[in-house]
Protein backbone atom coordinates (compact mmCIF):
# COMPACT_ATOMS: atom_id res chain seq x y z
CA MET A 1 26.74 -34.25 -4.95
CA TYR A 2 29.68 -36.14 -3.50
CA ARG A 3 31.73 -38.65 -5.52
CA ASN A 4 28.87 -38.89 -8.04
CA ALA A 5 26.38 -39.78 -5.28
CA LYS A 6 23.31 -37.61 -4.71
CA ILE A 7 23.15 -36.68 -1.01
CA ALA A 8 20.13 -35.60 1.02
CA LEU A 9 20.10 -34.31 4.59
CA VAL A 10 17.17 -34.92 6.96
CA ILE A 11 16.75 -32.76 10.07
CA PRO A 12 13.92 -33.74 12.47
CA ALA A 13 12.80 -30.56 14.19
CA TYR A 14 10.72 -29.85 17.28
CA ARG A 15 11.11 -26.67 19.35
CA GLU A 16 14.32 -25.80 17.48
CA GLN A 17 13.51 -22.18 16.71
CA LYS A 18 16.68 -20.99 18.42
CA LEU A 19 19.26 -23.49 17.22
CA ILE A 20 18.17 -24.66 13.78
CA PRO A 21 19.48 -21.53 11.99
CA ARG A 22 23.00 -22.48 13.12
CA THR A 23 22.50 -26.02 11.86
CA LEU A 24 21.25 -24.88 8.44
CA ALA A 25 23.97 -22.26 8.13
CA ASN A 26 26.62 -24.99 8.38
CA VAL A 27 25.25 -27.38 5.73
CA PRO A 28 28.14 -28.05 3.30
CA ASP A 29 27.86 -27.59 -0.46
CA LEU A 30 28.04 -31.34 -1.15
CA ILE A 31 24.51 -31.76 0.27
CA ASP A 32 22.03 -31.58 -2.62
CA ARG A 33 18.78 -31.33 -0.64
CA VAL A 34 17.88 -30.51 2.98
CA TYR A 35 14.60 -31.80 4.40
CA VAL A 36 13.58 -30.14 7.66
CA VAL A 37 10.73 -32.20 9.09
CA ASP A 38 8.48 -30.21 11.41
CA ASP A 39 6.95 -32.52 14.03
CA CYS A 40 4.15 -30.09 14.95
CA SER A 41 6.46 -27.71 16.77
CA PRO A 42 4.48 -25.12 18.78
CA ASP A 43 7.13 -22.40 18.57
CA ASP A 44 8.13 -20.11 15.70
CA GLN A 45 10.45 -22.74 14.23
CA ASN A 46 8.78 -23.02 10.81
CA ARG A 47 8.98 -19.31 10.13
CA VAL A 48 12.70 -19.45 10.90
CA VAL A 49 13.16 -22.44 8.58
CA LEU A 50 11.29 -20.71 5.74
CA GLU A 51 13.47 -17.63 6.20
CA CYS A 52 16.53 -19.87 5.89
CA ALA A 53 15.02 -21.44 2.76
CA LYS A 54 14.93 -18.02 1.10
CA ILE A 55 18.70 -17.87 1.52
CA ASP A 56 19.41 -21.54 0.74
CA PRO A 57 17.07 -23.03 -1.93
CA ARG A 58 18.16 -26.56 -0.97
CA VAL A 59 16.05 -26.31 2.19
CA THR A 60 12.60 -27.92 2.03
CA LEU A 61 10.13 -27.89 4.92
CA LEU A 62 8.03 -31.03 5.46
CA LYS A 63 5.21 -30.86 8.01
CA HIS A 64 3.47 -33.47 10.15
CA ASP A 65 -0.23 -33.15 10.92
CA THR A 66 0.31 -34.84 14.30
CA ASN A 67 3.34 -35.18 16.53
CA GLN A 68 5.09 -38.50 15.77
CA GLY A 69 8.39 -38.12 17.61
CA PRO A 70 11.90 -37.74 16.17
CA GLY A 71 11.94 -41.26 14.74
CA GLY A 72 8.72 -40.57 12.87
CA ALA A 73 10.16 -37.32 11.50
CA ILE A 74 13.26 -39.13 10.28
CA ILE A 75 11.18 -41.83 8.58
CA THR A 76 9.20 -39.10 6.81
CA GLY A 77 12.48 -37.64 5.61
CA TYR A 78 13.76 -41.07 4.55
CA ARG A 79 10.70 -41.75 2.43
CA GLN A 80 10.77 -38.34 0.77
CA SER A 81 14.49 -38.67 0.05
CA SER A 82 13.98 -42.10 -1.51
CA ARG A 83 11.07 -40.87 -3.64
CA ASP A 84 13.24 -38.01 -4.87
CA GLY A 85 15.99 -40.47 -5.86
CA TYR A 86 18.82 -39.56 -3.49
CA ASP A 87 21.51 -42.23 -3.11
CA ILE A 88 22.41 -41.51 0.53
CA THR A 89 20.44 -39.79 3.26
CA VAL A 90 22.26 -38.19 6.19
CA VAL A 91 20.48 -37.40 9.46
CA VAL A 92 21.49 -34.78 12.03
CA GLY A 93 19.56 -33.08 14.80
CA GLY A 94 18.39 -29.51 14.59
CA ASP A 95 20.17 -28.62 17.84
CA HIS A 96 23.62 -27.98 16.31
CA GLN A 97 25.34 -30.82 18.21
CA MET A 98 26.65 -32.51 15.06
CA ASP A 99 29.55 -31.17 13.00
CA LEU A 100 28.52 -31.33 9.35
CA SER A 101 32.08 -30.65 8.22
CA GLU A 102 32.71 -34.33 9.13
CA VAL A 103 29.92 -35.67 6.92
CA THR A 104 32.27 -37.16 4.30
CA ASN A 105 33.50 -39.63 6.91
CA PHE A 106 29.95 -41.00 7.00
CA LEU A 107 29.53 -41.03 3.22
CA ASP A 108 32.75 -42.76 2.13
CA PRO A 109 32.06 -46.21 3.68
CA LEU A 110 28.62 -46.31 2.04
CA ILE A 111 29.83 -45.19 -1.38
CA ASP A 112 32.72 -47.67 -1.26
CA GLY A 113 30.35 -50.55 -0.49
CA GLU A 114 31.82 -51.16 2.98
CA ALA A 115 28.57 -50.65 4.89
CA ASP A 116 24.86 -50.01 4.44
CA TYR A 117 24.48 -47.65 7.41
CA ALA A 118 26.96 -45.35 9.14
CA LYS A 119 26.46 -43.95 12.62
CA GLY A 120 28.42 -41.58 14.80
CA ASN A 121 30.49 -42.76 17.74
CA ARG A 122 31.78 -40.22 20.24
CA PHE A 123 33.58 -42.86 22.33
CA VAL A 124 36.22 -44.30 20.01
CA ILE A 125 39.74 -44.08 21.43
CA GLU A 126 40.61 -40.99 19.44
CA LYS A 127 37.58 -39.08 20.76
CA PHE A 128 37.02 -40.75 24.14
CA GLU A 129 38.80 -38.32 26.48
CA GLU A 130 37.39 -35.29 24.68
CA THR A 131 33.83 -36.65 24.81
CA VAL A 132 34.00 -37.69 28.47
CA ALA A 133 35.35 -34.27 29.44
CA ARG A 134 32.57 -32.43 27.62
CA MET A 135 29.57 -34.72 28.16
CA PRO A 136 27.56 -34.38 31.40
CA LYS A 137 28.36 -37.35 33.67
CA ILE A 138 24.74 -38.48 34.03
CA ARG A 139 24.39 -38.61 30.25
CA PHE A 140 27.62 -40.59 29.96
CA PHE A 141 26.40 -43.18 32.49
CA GLY A 142 23.00 -43.45 30.84
CA ASN A 143 24.62 -43.84 27.43
CA TRP A 144 26.76 -46.71 28.74
CA ILE A 145 23.76 -48.55 30.21
CA ILE A 146 21.56 -48.19 27.13
CA THR A 147 24.44 -49.23 24.85
CA ALA A 148 24.92 -52.48 26.79
CA MET A 149 21.20 -53.25 26.51
CA THR A 150 21.16 -52.45 22.80
CA LYS A 151 24.12 -54.74 22.11
CA LEU A 152 22.05 -57.65 23.40
CA ALA A 153 18.83 -56.56 21.72
CA SER A 154 20.30 -55.72 18.31
CA GLY A 155 22.95 -58.42 17.84
CA TYR A 156 25.52 -55.75 16.95
CA PHE A 157 27.90 -56.53 19.80
CA ASN A 158 30.69 -54.26 18.57
CA VAL A 159 28.55 -51.16 18.33
CA MET A 160 29.02 -48.23 20.72
CA ASP A 161 27.23 -44.95 21.44
CA VAL A 162 23.91 -46.33 20.23
CA VAL A 163 21.96 -43.16 21.06
CA ASP A 164 23.94 -41.06 18.60
CA GLY A 165 21.68 -39.59 15.94
CA TYR A 166 24.33 -38.58 13.38
CA THR A 167 23.79 -41.22 10.69
CA ALA A 168 23.90 -41.96 6.97
CA ILE A 169 21.86 -44.61 5.16
CA THR A 170 21.66 -45.89 1.59
CA LYS A 171 18.54 -45.74 -0.55
CA ARG A 172 18.53 -49.54 -0.74
CA VAL A 173 18.12 -49.86 3.03
CA ILE A 174 15.37 -47.24 3.11
CA ASP A 175 13.47 -49.13 0.42
CA VAL A 176 13.88 -52.60 2.00
CA VAL A 177 13.06 -51.98 5.67
CA ASP A 178 9.41 -51.85 6.75
CA TRP A 179 9.50 -48.54 8.60
CA SER A 180 5.81 -48.64 9.48
CA ARG A 181 6.62 -50.90 12.43
CA ALA A 182 9.60 -48.87 13.66
CA TRP A 183 9.66 -47.06 17.01
CA LYS A 184 9.10 -43.37 16.33
CA ARG A 185 9.66 -41.72 19.72
CA TYR A 186 12.89 -41.06 21.60
CA GLY A 187 14.93 -44.25 21.57
CA TYR A 188 14.46 -44.67 17.82
CA PRO A 189 18.24 -45.12 17.09
CA MET A 190 18.25 -48.39 19.05
CA ASP A 191 15.10 -49.65 17.33
CA PHE A 192 16.58 -48.76 13.93
CA LEU A 193 19.71 -50.80 14.76
CA ILE A 194 17.60 -53.80 15.74
CA ARG A 195 15.70 -53.62 12.45
CA LEU A 196 18.87 -53.24 10.41
CA ASN A 197 20.28 -56.37 12.04
CA ALA A 198 17.05 -58.30 11.42
CA TYR A 199 17.32 -57.47 7.72
CA GLY A 200 21.00 -58.41 7.68
CA PHE A 201 22.56 -55.03 6.90
CA ALA A 202 26.12 -53.98 7.73
CA ILE A 203 26.80 -50.90 9.83
CA VAL A 204 29.91 -48.92 10.61
CA ASP A 205 30.86 -46.72 13.58
CA VAL A 206 32.35 -43.37 12.56
CA PRO A 207 34.37 -41.20 14.98
CA ARG A 208 32.77 -37.79 15.35
CA THR A 209 33.07 -34.58 17.32
CA SER A 210 30.28 -33.32 19.57
CA ILE A 211 29.29 -29.67 19.81
CA TYR A 212 28.10 -28.53 23.24
CA LEU A 213 27.02 -24.90 23.43
CA PRO A 214 27.50 -23.24 26.84
CA GLY A 215 24.21 -22.24 28.43
CA GLU A 216 22.07 -24.05 25.84
CA ARG A 217 19.85 -27.04 26.60
CA GLN A 218 20.45 -28.93 23.37
CA SER A 219 19.00 -32.30 24.42
CA GLN A 220 15.25 -32.60 25.11
CA ILE A 221 15.55 -36.09 26.62
CA LYS A 222 14.43 -36.57 30.24
CA GLY A 223 16.37 -39.44 31.78
CA ALA A 224 13.83 -41.30 33.94
CA ASN A 225 10.97 -41.02 31.47
CA TYR A 226 13.32 -42.03 28.65
CA ALA A 227 14.42 -45.20 30.49
CA MET A 228 10.84 -46.17 31.33
CA ARG A 229 9.82 -45.96 27.68
CA VAL A 230 12.92 -47.34 25.99
CA THR A 231 13.55 -50.44 28.12
CA PRO A 232 10.23 -52.18 27.27
CA MET A 233 10.74 -51.18 23.62
CA LEU A 234 14.15 -52.90 23.55
CA VAL A 235 12.69 -56.08 25.04
CA ARG A 236 9.84 -56.19 22.52
CA ALA A 237 12.14 -55.40 19.60
CA PHE A 238 14.62 -58.10 20.71
CA PHE A 239 11.98 -60.83 20.58
CA TRP A 240 10.64 -59.45 17.30
CA ARG A 241 14.16 -59.71 15.83
CA LEU A 242 14.55 -63.31 16.97
CA ARG A 243 11.25 -64.28 15.36
CA PHE A 244 11.78 -62.32 12.15
CA LYS A 245 15.44 -63.16 11.53
CA TYR A 246 15.86 -66.63 13.00
CA MET A 247 12.40 -68.16 12.50
CA TYR A 248 10.69 -66.39 9.58
CA LEU A 249 13.54 -65.49 7.22
CA ASP A 250 15.60 -68.53 8.18
CA PHE A 251 15.96 -70.96 11.05
CA HIS A 252 18.88 -71.01 13.44
CA PRO A 253 19.30 -73.22 16.54
CA LEU A 254 20.35 -70.21 18.61
CA VAL A 255 16.64 -69.67 19.35
CA PHE A 256 16.79 -72.86 21.43
CA PHE A 257 19.73 -71.52 23.42
CA TYR A 258 17.89 -68.25 24.09
CA PHE A 259 14.78 -70.24 25.08
CA LEU A 260 16.80 -72.36 27.51
CA ALA A 261 18.52 -69.29 28.94
CA PHE A 262 15.26 -67.41 29.51
CA THR A 263 13.70 -70.50 31.05
CA LEU A 264 16.52 -71.81 33.22
CA LEU A 265 17.87 -68.54 34.62
CA PRO A 266 14.56 -67.31 36.12
CA THR A 267 13.81 -70.82 37.38
CA GLY A 268 17.19 -71.08 39.06
CA LEU A 269 16.87 -67.64 40.61
CA LEU A 270 13.41 -68.40 41.98
CA LEU A 271 14.45 -71.76 43.43
CA GLY A 272 17.64 -70.25 44.85
CA GLY A 273 15.70 -67.40 46.39
CA PHE A 274 13.27 -69.86 47.96
CA LEU A 275 16.11 -71.86 49.55
CA ILE A 276 17.80 -68.71 50.85
CA ALA A 277 14.53 -67.40 52.31
CA ASN A 278 13.85 -70.79 53.92
CA LYS A 279 17.30 -70.76 55.48
CA LEU A 280 17.11 -67.18 56.75
CA PHE A 281 13.49 -66.90 57.83
CA SER A 282 12.45 -70.45 58.67
CA ASP A 283 13.90 -73.66 60.01
CA GLY A 284 15.93 -74.36 56.86
CA ALA A 285 14.44 -77.80 56.48
CA GLN A 286 14.08 -77.35 52.73
CA VAL A 287 17.76 -76.59 52.24
CA THR A 288 19.60 -79.78 51.32
CA ALA A 289 22.80 -80.48 49.42
CA PRO A 290 21.01 -82.09 46.43
CA LYS A 291 18.65 -79.12 46.09
CA ALA A 292 21.52 -76.64 46.29
CA ILE A 293 23.44 -78.57 43.64
CA LEU A 294 20.33 -78.70 41.41
CA VAL A 295 19.87 -74.92 41.67
CA ALA A 296 23.55 -74.37 40.85
CA LEU A 297 23.30 -76.63 37.80
CA ILE A 298 20.16 -74.87 36.56
CA LEU A 299 21.81 -71.45 36.90
CA LEU A 300 25.03 -72.64 35.30
CA SER A 301 23.17 -74.23 32.38
CA GLY A 302 21.07 -71.11 31.90
CA PHE A 303 24.08 -68.82 31.92
CA GLN A 304 25.99 -71.10 29.55
CA SER A 305 23.02 -71.22 27.16
CA TRP A 306 22.88 -67.43 27.19
CA LEU A 307 26.57 -67.18 26.33
CA PHE A 308 26.20 -69.67 23.47
CA ALA A 309 23.15 -67.80 22.17
CA MET A 310 25.00 -64.46 22.15
CA LEU A 311 28.03 -66.04 20.47
CA PHE A 312 25.92 -67.56 17.69
CA ASP A 313 23.97 -64.32 17.37
CA ARG A 314 27.13 -62.28 16.97
CA GLU A 315 28.70 -64.60 14.40
CA THR A 316 25.49 -64.94 12.40
CA SER A 317 25.06 -61.16 12.36
CA LYS A 318 28.57 -60.79 10.98
CA GLU A 319 27.92 -63.33 8.24
CA THR A 320 24.57 -61.91 7.13
CA ALA A 321 26.03 -58.39 7.11
CA ARG A 322 28.93 -59.49 4.92
CA ASN A 323 26.47 -61.12 2.53
CA SER A 324 24.42 -57.92 2.29
CA LEU A 325 27.31 -55.86 0.97
CA VAL A 326 27.84 -55.49 -2.73
CA ARG A 327 31.57 -55.94 -3.23
CA LYS A 328 31.86 -52.95 -5.51
CA PRO A 329 31.28 -49.23 -4.99
CA MET A 330 27.64 -48.19 -4.62
CA ILE A 331 28.18 -45.51 -7.29
CA THR A 332 30.12 -46.26 -10.45
CA ASN A 333 32.88 -43.87 -11.54
CA VAL A 334 33.25 -42.59 -7.99
CA GLY A 335 35.46 -39.65 -7.31
CA PRO A 336 38.24 -39.66 -4.72
CA SER A 337 37.50 -39.44 -1.03
CA VAL A 338 38.02 -36.01 0.49
CA ALA A 339 37.22 -36.90 4.09
CA ARG A 340 38.81 -34.95 6.89
CA PRO A 341 41.89 -36.67 8.39
CA LEU A 342 40.07 -38.62 11.09
CA PRO A 343 40.79 -42.27 11.97
CA ARG A 344 39.40 -44.92 9.66
CA PRO A 345 35.88 -45.89 10.73
CA GLN A 346 35.57 -49.01 12.86
CA GLN A 347 33.69 -51.74 10.99
CA VAL A 348 30.73 -53.09 12.92
CA VAL A 349 28.75 -55.94 11.42
């Protein structure tokens, strides 16, 4: 228990026979229950977990009948934690990349009613140089690209390091969100953010330290395959969010701006491409000043509509997130914060 809040820890596990003992050995005393969710791992992982459970009775092994992916394992842990009545559920990987001694920095904003969901950020100013020096360059570049895409898809334009899996979530959020429609494979953190925005919840970025073990392959993500799967998911989830948040739950004119942007920009690009091709590969008879001006106006209008849509999306997301927060601590009679002396989390709504 921490500050009178009951805390559960969920660890999705697949092929973590080698590294999960280190993760479990570093679970702090403030964690009341540890759910290790086996996603049909073919190695000797479960035996190792059960051996750890003999030493630490807080450890509980949950098993999937079929492989669902890390997102599916986390959702299983969420649901079990909520059924068991835990106030906050923390998630870390089983690969010992996440420092559990920093967990109070994730818990304090939720207990104080400042956010509904806390996520790690390895790229805040205080941690940026350290992270860049330790993270493989290809992973850093991929992280930057996927973060930019997720900003647009989720409506959380201030969020960074969207792939980070070190998170904390309140029981209220677990109970409200329809997790049956969530993406369960790799890429789940971005889908979760999109759903949290659609439901109007507030999130916070928390500076955290990464642990990279020399000679160990801690990440199981394969770049090209990951991009091929995640990009279509982000597009689908973006349009789902627009429908759910701005048409079903409420109506906002920003949907018209997005519609204009997605209509005018492709139209302008196609017409512009036609004129350029006609000029380069034909007699150029189709290229006239009025047509060129029309194409420029279409592109300009499309780009301007996109900017307006993103601006309205950002401001609306901030407002709905503020409205979701209860302006009092989540737990009454809370104890004092004992977080490690890291910078104050950056509010992201």
